[in-house]
């Protein structure tokens, strides 16, 4: 009986350690703004639009979820923790709501950053705050 209780406690402790894992994409500090009136960010004027932005580790993809909400995702894949892949995540040509990892074949949701296939990790999210006019601040 004591052995069963000990094993149960050991299993519970082992399972709880997964919650404290460190995300494989490093967190780096940056802070910049983009002007949504520039032609390169024209797609972000519409809900469902997205654009690649310089910054982060391998670049950032910004997606407009709704009239007031933007999300920004790091393009470095969590499946490439050593940053060996030459390419960052790319949007899927057949489903714009997906980001594909060309090296590991992992697929992620651009809407919420969750893994769709071939990954246990979601995407690294950056803060994106819109001033209600033409400037979008992206920072970590």
N, C-alpha and C. Protein backbone atom coordinates (compact mmCIF):
# COMPACT_ATOMS: atom_id res chain seq x y z
N UNK A 1 0.82 -1.19 0.00
CA UNK A 1 0.00 0.00 0.00
C UNK A 1 0.87 1.26 0.00
N UNK A 2 1.91 1.27 0.84
CA UNK A 2 2.79 2.43 0.90
C UNK A 2 3.53 2.63 -0.42
N UNK A 3 3.87 1.53 -1.07
CA UNK A 3 4.57 1.62 -2.35
C UNK A 3 3.66 2.25 -3.40
N UNK A 4 2.38 1.90 -3.41
CA UNK A 4 1.43 2.47 -4.36
C UNK A 4 1.27 3.97 -4.13
N UNK A 5 1.17 4.37 -2.90
CA UNK A 5 1.03 5.79 -2.58
C UNK A 5 2.30 6.54 -3.00
N UNK A 6 3.46 5.95 -2.72
CA UNK A 6 4.72 6.56 -3.12
C UNK A 6 4.80 6.71 -4.65
N UNK A 7 4.42 5.67 -5.37
CA UNK A 7 4.44 5.72 -6.84
C UNK A 7 3.46 6.76 -7.38
N UNK A 8 2.29 6.86 -6.78
CA UNK A 8 1.31 7.86 -7.20
C UNK A 8 1.86 9.27 -6.99
N UNK A 9 2.46 9.51 -5.85
CA UNK A 9 3.06 10.82 -5.57
C UNK A 9 4.18 11.11 -6.56
N UNK A 10 5.00 10.12 -6.83
CA UNK A 10 6.10 10.29 -7.78
C UNK A 10 5.59 10.63 -9.17
N UNK A 11 4.53 9.99 -9.61
CA UNK A 11 3.93 10.26 -10.92
C UNK A 11 3.35 11.68 -10.95
N UNK A 12 2.67 12.08 -9.91
CA UNK A 12 2.09 13.43 -9.86
C UNK A 12 3.16 14.51 -9.88
N UNK A 13 4.23 14.30 -9.15
CA UNK A 13 5.34 15.26 -9.14
C UNK A 13 5.98 15.33 -10.51
N UNK A 14 6.19 14.19 -11.14
CA UNK A 14 6.79 14.16 -12.48
C UNK A 14 5.91 14.85 -13.50
N UNK A 15 4.60 14.67 -13.41
CA UNK A 15 3.68 15.30 -14.36
C UNK A 15 3.62 16.80 -14.14
N UNK A 16 3.74 17.27 -12.91
CA UNK A 16 3.67 18.70 -12.65
C UNK A 16 4.91 19.44 -13.12
N UNK A 17 6.03 18.75 -13.31
CA UNK A 17 7.25 19.40 -13.78
C UNK A 17 7.12 19.91 -15.20
N UNK A 18 6.25 19.32 -16.01
CA UNK A 18 6.08 19.75 -17.39
C UNK A 18 5.54 21.18 -17.45
N UNK A 19 4.83 21.62 -16.45
CA UNK A 19 4.28 22.97 -16.43
C UNK A 19 5.37 24.03 -16.33
N UNK A 20 6.52 23.67 -15.82
CA UNK A 20 7.59 24.63 -15.60
C UNK A 20 8.66 24.59 -16.69
N UNK A 21 8.36 23.96 -17.82
CA UNK A 21 9.32 23.90 -18.90
C UNK A 21 9.53 25.30 -19.48
N UNK A 22 10.73 25.56 -19.96
CA UNK A 22 11.08 26.84 -20.56
C UNK A 22 10.80 26.78 -22.05
N UNK A 23 10.13 27.79 -22.58
CA UNK A 23 9.81 27.83 -24.00
C UNK A 23 11.10 27.78 -24.81
N UNK A 24 11.15 26.97 -25.88
CA UNK A 24 12.40 26.81 -26.64
C UNK A 24 12.81 28.04 -27.45
N UNK A 25 11.89 28.96 -27.72
CA UNK A 25 12.25 30.18 -28.43
C UNK A 25 12.63 31.22 -27.38
N UNK A 26 13.87 31.73 -27.43
CA UNK A 26 14.31 32.67 -26.40
C UNK A 26 13.48 33.96 -26.40
N UNK A 27 13.41 34.56 -25.25
CA UNK A 27 12.74 35.85 -25.10
C UNK A 27 13.77 36.95 -25.23
N UNK A 28 13.58 37.82 -26.22
CA UNK A 28 14.51 38.95 -26.39
C UNK A 28 13.74 40.25 -26.24
N UNK A 29 14.41 41.26 -25.76
CA UNK A 29 13.76 42.56 -25.55
C UNK A 29 13.84 43.41 -26.81
N UNK A 30 12.73 44.02 -27.18
CA UNK A 30 12.67 44.99 -28.26
C UNK A 30 11.40 45.80 -28.10
N UNK A 31 11.32 46.92 -28.78
CA UNK A 31 10.16 47.80 -28.71
C UNK A 31 10.20 48.71 -29.94
N UNK A 32 9.22 48.59 -30.82
CA UNK A 32 9.17 49.46 -31.99
C UNK A 32 7.72 49.64 -32.44
N UNK A 33 7.50 50.57 -33.35
CA UNK A 33 6.18 50.83 -33.90
C UNK A 33 6.22 50.69 -35.41
N UNK A 34 5.09 50.26 -35.97
CA UNK A 34 4.95 50.27 -37.42
C UNK A 34 3.77 51.17 -37.78
N UNK A 35 3.87 51.82 -38.92
CA UNK A 35 2.84 52.72 -39.42
C UNK A 35 1.95 51.94 -40.38
N UNK A 36 0.70 51.72 -39.99
CA UNK A 36 -0.21 50.90 -40.79
C UNK A 36 -0.61 51.57 -42.10
N UNK A 37 -0.28 52.85 -42.29
CA UNK A 37 -0.61 53.51 -43.55
C UNK A 37 0.44 53.26 -44.63
N UNK A 38 1.57 52.65 -44.26
CA UNK A 38 2.60 52.34 -45.26
C UNK A 38 2.12 51.19 -46.15
N UNK A 39 2.49 51.22 -47.43
CA UNK A 39 2.03 50.18 -48.36
C UNK A 39 2.40 48.76 -47.93
N UNK A 40 3.53 48.57 -47.29
CA UNK A 40 3.94 47.22 -46.90
C UNK A 40 3.05 46.62 -45.80
N UNK A 41 2.27 47.45 -45.13
CA UNK A 41 1.37 46.97 -44.08
C UNK A 41 -0.10 47.14 -44.45
N UNK A 42 -0.39 47.33 -45.73
CA UNK A 42 -1.75 47.56 -46.20
C UNK A 42 -2.69 46.41 -45.83
N UNK A 43 -2.18 45.18 -45.83
CA UNK A 43 -3.02 44.02 -45.50
C UNK A 43 -3.55 44.09 -44.07
N UNK A 44 -2.85 44.82 -43.20
CA UNK A 44 -3.28 44.91 -41.80
C UNK A 44 -4.44 45.88 -41.59
N UNK A 45 -4.87 46.57 -42.64
CA UNK A 45 -6.01 47.47 -42.49
C UNK A 45 -7.33 46.69 -42.47
N UNK A 46 -7.29 45.42 -42.86
CA UNK A 46 -8.49 44.59 -42.87
C UNK A 46 -8.41 43.48 -41.83
N UNK A 47 -9.54 43.17 -41.21
CA UNK A 47 -9.61 42.04 -40.29
C UNK A 47 -9.25 40.78 -41.07
N UNK A 48 -8.37 39.95 -40.50
CA UNK A 48 -7.90 38.75 -41.16
C UNK A 48 -6.64 38.98 -41.97
N UNK A 49 -6.18 40.22 -42.05
CA UNK A 49 -4.96 40.51 -42.79
C UNK A 49 -3.73 40.21 -41.95
N UNK A 50 -2.62 39.98 -42.64
CA UNK A 50 -1.37 39.69 -41.95
C UNK A 50 -0.22 40.32 -42.72
N UNK A 51 0.91 40.50 -42.03
CA UNK A 51 2.11 41.05 -42.66
C UNK A 51 3.34 40.58 -41.90
N UNK A 52 4.42 40.39 -42.65
CA UNK A 52 5.72 40.10 -42.04
C UNK A 52 6.34 41.43 -41.62
N UNK A 53 6.99 41.42 -40.46
CA UNK A 53 7.64 42.62 -39.91
C UNK A 53 9.04 42.22 -39.46
N UNK A 54 10.00 43.09 -39.69
CA UNK A 54 11.36 42.84 -39.19
C UNK A 54 11.36 43.00 -37.68
N UNK A 55 12.17 42.19 -37.01
CA UNK A 55 12.27 42.25 -35.56
C UNK A 55 12.27 40.86 -34.98
N UNK A 56 12.40 40.76 -33.69
CA UNK A 56 12.45 39.47 -33.05
C UNK A 56 13.72 38.72 -33.43
N UNK A 57 13.61 37.41 -33.56
CA UNK A 57 14.76 36.58 -33.89
C UNK A 57 14.81 36.29 -35.39
N UNK A 58 13.72 35.74 -35.92
CA UNK A 58 13.65 35.42 -37.35
C UNK A 58 12.60 36.27 -38.05
N UNK A 59 12.15 37.32 -37.40
CA UNK A 59 11.09 38.13 -37.94
C UNK A 59 9.81 37.89 -37.17
N UNK A 60 8.82 38.68 -37.48
CA UNK A 60 7.54 38.64 -36.78
C UNK A 60 6.44 38.61 -37.83
N UNK A 61 5.39 37.86 -37.57
CA UNK A 61 4.20 37.93 -38.40
C UNK A 61 3.11 38.55 -37.53
N UNK A 62 2.49 39.60 -38.06
CA UNK A 62 1.41 40.30 -37.35
C UNK A 62 0.10 39.93 -38.04
N UNK A 63 -0.89 39.60 -37.24
CA UNK A 63 -2.20 39.21 -37.74
C UNK A 63 -3.27 40.07 -37.07
N UNK A 64 -4.21 40.55 -37.86
CA UNK A 64 -5.31 41.36 -37.31
C UNK A 64 -6.50 40.45 -37.03
N UNK A 65 -6.74 40.18 -35.74
CA UNK A 65 -7.82 39.28 -35.33
C UNK A 65 -9.20 39.91 -35.45
N UNK A 66 -9.29 41.20 -35.11
CA UNK A 66 -10.58 41.90 -35.13
C UNK A 66 -10.30 43.38 -35.39
N UNK A 67 -11.33 44.20 -35.31
CA UNK A 67 -11.14 45.63 -35.55
C UNK A 67 -10.10 46.24 -34.62
N UNK A 68 -10.07 45.79 -33.37
CA UNK A 68 -9.20 46.40 -32.36
C UNK A 68 -8.04 45.53 -31.90
N UNK A 69 -7.97 44.28 -32.34
CA UNK A 69 -7.00 43.35 -31.78
C UNK A 69 -6.02 42.86 -32.85
N UNK A 70 -4.73 43.05 -32.56
CA UNK A 70 -3.64 42.53 -33.38
C UNK A 70 -2.85 41.55 -32.52
N UNK A 71 -2.30 40.51 -33.15
CA UNK A 71 -1.39 39.60 -32.47
C UNK A 71 -0.09 39.55 -33.27
N UNK A 72 1.00 39.35 -32.55
CA UNK A 72 2.32 39.29 -33.18
C UNK A 72 3.02 38.02 -32.73
N UNK A 73 3.49 37.23 -33.69
CA UNK A 73 4.13 35.94 -33.42
C UNK A 73 5.56 35.94 -33.94
N UNK A 74 6.45 35.37 -33.17
CA UNK A 74 7.83 35.16 -33.61
C UNK A 74 7.82 34.13 -34.73
N UNK A 75 8.62 34.36 -35.76
CA UNK A 75 8.69 33.42 -36.89
C UNK A 75 9.71 32.30 -36.66
N UNK A 76 10.46 32.36 -35.57
CA UNK A 76 11.34 31.23 -35.24
C UNK A 76 10.48 30.12 -34.67
N UNK A 77 10.61 28.94 -35.24
CA UNK A 77 9.79 27.81 -34.82
C UNK A 77 10.26 27.26 -33.48
N UNK A 78 9.31 26.91 -32.60
CA UNK A 78 9.69 26.24 -31.35
C UNK A 78 10.30 24.86 -31.60
N UNK A 79 10.14 24.33 -32.81
CA UNK A 79 10.74 23.04 -33.17
C UNK A 79 12.18 23.19 -33.64
N UNK A 80 12.70 24.41 -33.62
CA UNK A 80 14.08 24.69 -34.02
C UNK A 80 14.79 25.47 -32.91
N UNK A 81 14.91 24.87 -31.72
CA UNK A 81 15.45 25.62 -30.57
C UNK A 81 16.89 26.08 -30.75
N UNK A 82 17.65 25.43 -31.63
CA UNK A 82 19.04 25.84 -31.86
C UNK A 82 19.15 26.82 -33.02
N UNK A 83 18.02 27.22 -33.60
CA UNK A 83 17.96 28.22 -34.68
C UNK A 83 18.84 27.80 -35.86
N UNK A 84 18.74 26.54 -36.26
CA UNK A 84 19.53 26.02 -37.36
C UNK A 84 18.84 26.15 -38.71
N UNK A 85 17.53 26.20 -38.71
CA UNK A 85 16.77 26.30 -39.95
C UNK A 85 16.99 27.68 -40.56
N UNK A 86 17.28 27.71 -41.85
CA UNK A 86 17.57 28.97 -42.53
C UNK A 86 16.31 29.84 -42.68
N UNK A 87 15.15 29.22 -42.70
CA UNK A 87 13.90 29.95 -42.92
C UNK A 87 13.05 30.01 -41.67
N UNK A 88 12.32 31.10 -41.52
CA UNK A 88 11.36 31.21 -40.44
C UNK A 88 10.01 30.65 -40.88
N UNK A 89 9.06 30.68 -39.98
CA UNK A 89 7.71 30.22 -40.28
C UNK A 89 7.14 31.04 -41.43
N UNK A 90 6.35 30.38 -42.27
CA UNK A 90 5.73 31.06 -43.41
C UNK A 90 4.24 30.79 -43.40
N UNK A 91 3.49 31.72 -43.97
CA UNK A 91 2.05 31.51 -44.05
C UNK A 91 1.75 30.44 -45.09
N UNK A 92 0.69 29.71 -44.85
CA UNK A 92 0.27 28.64 -45.74
C UNK A 92 -0.48 29.25 -46.93
N UNK A 93 -0.10 28.89 -48.13
CA UNK A 93 -0.73 29.46 -49.33
C UNK A 93 -2.17 29.00 -49.51
N UNK A 94 -2.56 27.88 -48.90
CA UNK A 94 -3.92 27.38 -49.04
C UNK A 94 -4.80 27.69 -47.82
N UNK A 95 -4.18 28.07 -46.71
CA UNK A 95 -4.93 28.41 -45.50
C UNK A 95 -4.17 29.52 -44.77
N UNK A 96 -4.60 30.77 -44.98
CA UNK A 96 -3.87 31.90 -44.43
C UNK A 96 -3.85 31.93 -42.90
N UNK A 97 -4.64 31.11 -42.24
CA UNK A 97 -4.64 31.08 -40.78
C UNK A 97 -3.60 30.12 -40.20
N UNK A 98 -2.76 29.56 -41.06
CA UNK A 98 -1.75 28.63 -40.59
C UNK A 98 -0.36 29.14 -40.92
N UNK A 99 0.57 28.86 -40.00
CA UNK A 99 1.98 29.12 -40.23
C UNK A 99 2.69 27.78 -40.30
N UNK A 100 3.52 27.61 -41.31
CA UNK A 100 4.21 26.35 -41.54
C UNK A 100 5.70 26.48 -41.23
N UNK A 101 6.25 25.44 -40.63
CA UNK A 101 7.68 25.36 -40.41
C UNK A 101 8.27 24.55 -41.56
N UNK A 102 9.06 25.16 -42.44
CA UNK A 102 9.57 24.44 -43.60
C UNK A 102 10.60 23.36 -43.25
N UNK A 103 11.16 23.40 -42.05
CA UNK A 103 12.19 22.43 -41.68
C UNK A 103 11.65 21.22 -40.93
N UNK A 104 10.67 21.42 -40.06
CA UNK A 104 10.16 20.31 -39.26
C UNK A 104 8.77 19.85 -39.69
N UNK A 105 8.14 20.58 -40.60
CA UNK A 105 6.76 20.30 -41.04
C UNK A 105 5.73 20.54 -39.94
N UNK A 106 6.11 21.26 -38.90
CA UNK A 106 5.14 21.64 -37.86
C UNK A 106 4.21 22.71 -38.43
N UNK A 107 2.98 22.73 -37.93
CA UNK A 107 1.99 23.70 -38.37
C UNK A 107 1.40 24.36 -37.13
N UNK A 108 1.22 25.69 -37.20
CA UNK A 108 0.73 26.47 -36.07
C UNK A 108 -0.44 27.35 -36.51
N UNK A 109 -1.30 27.67 -35.57
CA UNK A 109 -2.42 28.58 -35.83
C UNK A 109 -1.93 30.03 -35.77
N UNK A 110 -2.20 30.80 -36.81
CA UNK A 110 -1.84 32.21 -36.77
C UNK A 110 -2.81 32.97 -35.86
N UNK A 111 -4.01 32.44 -35.67
CA UNK A 111 -5.01 33.12 -34.86
C UNK A 111 -4.62 33.17 -33.38
N UNK A 112 -4.22 32.00 -32.83
CA UNK A 112 -3.90 31.97 -31.40
C UNK A 112 -2.53 31.41 -31.08
N UNK A 113 -1.74 31.04 -32.09
CA UNK A 113 -0.38 30.57 -31.87
C UNK A 113 -0.26 29.13 -31.41
N UNK A 114 -1.37 28.43 -31.33
CA UNK A 114 -1.33 27.04 -30.83
C UNK A 114 -0.79 26.09 -31.90
N UNK A 115 -0.18 24.98 -31.45
CA UNK A 115 0.31 24.00 -32.42
C UNK A 115 -0.87 23.24 -33.03
N UNK A 116 -0.80 23.02 -34.33
CA UNK A 116 -1.82 22.22 -35.02
C UNK A 116 -1.30 20.81 -35.23
N UNK A 117 -0.02 20.71 -35.62
CA UNK A 117 0.57 19.38 -35.77
C UNK A 117 2.09 19.44 -35.65
N UNK A 118 2.67 18.34 -35.23
CA UNK A 118 4.12 18.13 -35.15
C UNK A 118 4.86 19.05 -34.17
N UNK A 119 4.17 19.54 -33.16
CA UNK A 119 4.83 20.35 -32.13
C UNK A 119 4.06 20.26 -30.82
N UNK A 120 4.80 20.27 -29.73
CA UNK A 120 4.18 20.32 -28.40
C UNK A 120 4.11 21.75 -27.88
N UNK A 121 4.71 22.68 -28.60
CA UNK A 121 4.81 24.08 -28.17
C UNK A 121 3.98 24.98 -29.07
N UNK A 122 3.44 26.03 -28.47
CA UNK A 122 2.82 27.09 -29.24
C UNK A 122 3.88 28.11 -29.62
N UNK A 123 3.47 29.12 -30.37
CA UNK A 123 4.40 30.15 -30.83
C UNK A 123 4.71 31.15 -29.73
N UNK A 124 5.87 31.78 -29.82
CA UNK A 124 6.23 32.87 -28.90
C UNK A 124 5.43 34.10 -29.32
N UNK A 125 4.66 34.64 -28.39
CA UNK A 125 3.80 35.79 -28.65
C UNK A 125 4.47 37.06 -28.16
N UNK A 126 4.34 38.10 -28.97
CA UNK A 126 4.80 39.43 -28.58
C UNK A 126 3.59 40.33 -28.35
N UNK A 127 3.77 41.37 -27.59
CA UNK A 127 2.70 42.33 -27.32
C UNK A 127 2.48 43.20 -28.55
N UNK A 128 1.23 43.44 -28.88
CA UNK A 128 0.88 44.31 -30.00
C UNK A 128 -0.25 45.23 -29.55
N UNK A 129 0.04 46.51 -29.49
CA UNK A 129 -0.95 47.49 -29.03
C UNK A 129 -1.17 48.53 -30.12
N UNK A 130 -2.41 48.67 -30.52
CA UNK A 130 -2.79 49.62 -31.58
C UNK A 130 -3.25 50.91 -30.94
N UNK A 131 -2.83 52.05 -31.49
CA UNK A 131 -3.23 53.34 -30.92
C UNK A 131 -4.60 53.80 -31.42
N UNK A 132 -5.28 52.98 -32.23
CA UNK A 132 -6.61 53.33 -32.73
C UNK A 132 -6.55 54.13 -34.00
N UNK A 133 -5.38 54.46 -34.44
CA UNK A 133 -5.23 55.27 -35.66
C UNK A 133 -4.31 54.55 -36.64
N UNK A 134 -3.06 54.97 -36.68
CA UNK A 134 -2.16 54.39 -37.68
C UNK A 134 -0.92 53.69 -37.12
N UNK A 135 -0.72 53.72 -35.81
CA UNK A 135 0.50 53.13 -35.25
C UNK A 135 0.19 51.86 -34.45
N UNK A 136 1.01 50.85 -34.70
CA UNK A 136 0.94 49.59 -33.97
C UNK A 136 2.27 49.40 -33.26
N UNK A 137 2.23 49.34 -31.94
CA UNK A 137 3.44 49.12 -31.14
C UNK A 137 3.60 47.62 -30.92
N UNK A 138 4.80 47.12 -31.21
CA UNK A 138 5.11 45.69 -31.01
C UNK A 138 6.31 45.64 -30.08
N UNK A 139 6.19 44.88 -29.01
CA UNK A 139 7.28 44.82 -28.04
C UNK A 139 7.26 43.51 -27.26
N UNK A 140 8.37 43.28 -26.58
CA UNK A 140 8.48 42.11 -25.72
C UNK A 140 9.05 42.55 -24.39
